[in-house]
């Protein structure tokens, strides 16, 4: 794709980034909602995700993963780069949209898993060394977030790394400055009130139930995730993904984890 080559020539990518970009499959699904015609940004987001994952792996002292889960995979915006970055690993693609999962399986050779709204009812065909969750917590209420991370803890091998993104202080400031993230005035007011009260703000989209926008203070993650899941934080980067979302890396301890994998 010409836009991918343009990105390599005109951005501040490292030599490793450019090599990775050259291996990334350029095919974009016609219904890819993350692609708005700007291929340069589309592929830069994938490279940014791999940078965060590499940094979190280094912080965890982890080796290259052999089994990776991408949830939600969408139509492979990041998954395509995971396949290129870790060519020896098996990759599972999970999303609630069957068409997205099928595309990732057919185009990138991923193991397909159709997601479920109730994370407690979801299981996977194998345990994972690396789980990437880009921009899902950003749309969930607090109980759903803890259920999601409990799923990841169950689905991870001991010593595995779980990397996920949140809306943090950057988005909180944007909302205070007038951005509404398609929530409308009532939604923004509800989110801002709950964020100020507890450190976790959430509101449904006006047209949707149980799905909307969340804003999470890093301290809320630190105070709630380890006690509820047994996972241990090893990495944090404010605005680390695409200069917008905060990135956390948590490890499942090799011993003493309260949740044994269930498959």
Foldseek 3Di string as FASTA:
>chain_A
DVLLVVLLVPDPDDPVLNVLSVQFDPDDDPPQPVDPPRVSLLQVLLSLLVVQVVVLCVLLVHDQKQEEEEPQCFQNSNPSSNCSVRVNHAYAHEEQDPVSQVNCCVPVVHHYDYDDPQLVPDADPAAIQEYEYEPDQQWAAPVSVLSNLLSNLQRHAAFHKYKYWYFEPQVLVVLVVPDDQQQPPVQSVQQNVVCVVPQKGHGPRPVDPRTGGIYGYPVVCVVPRCVSWVWAWRDWDPCSRSNGIIMTMTGRHNPDTPHHHDD
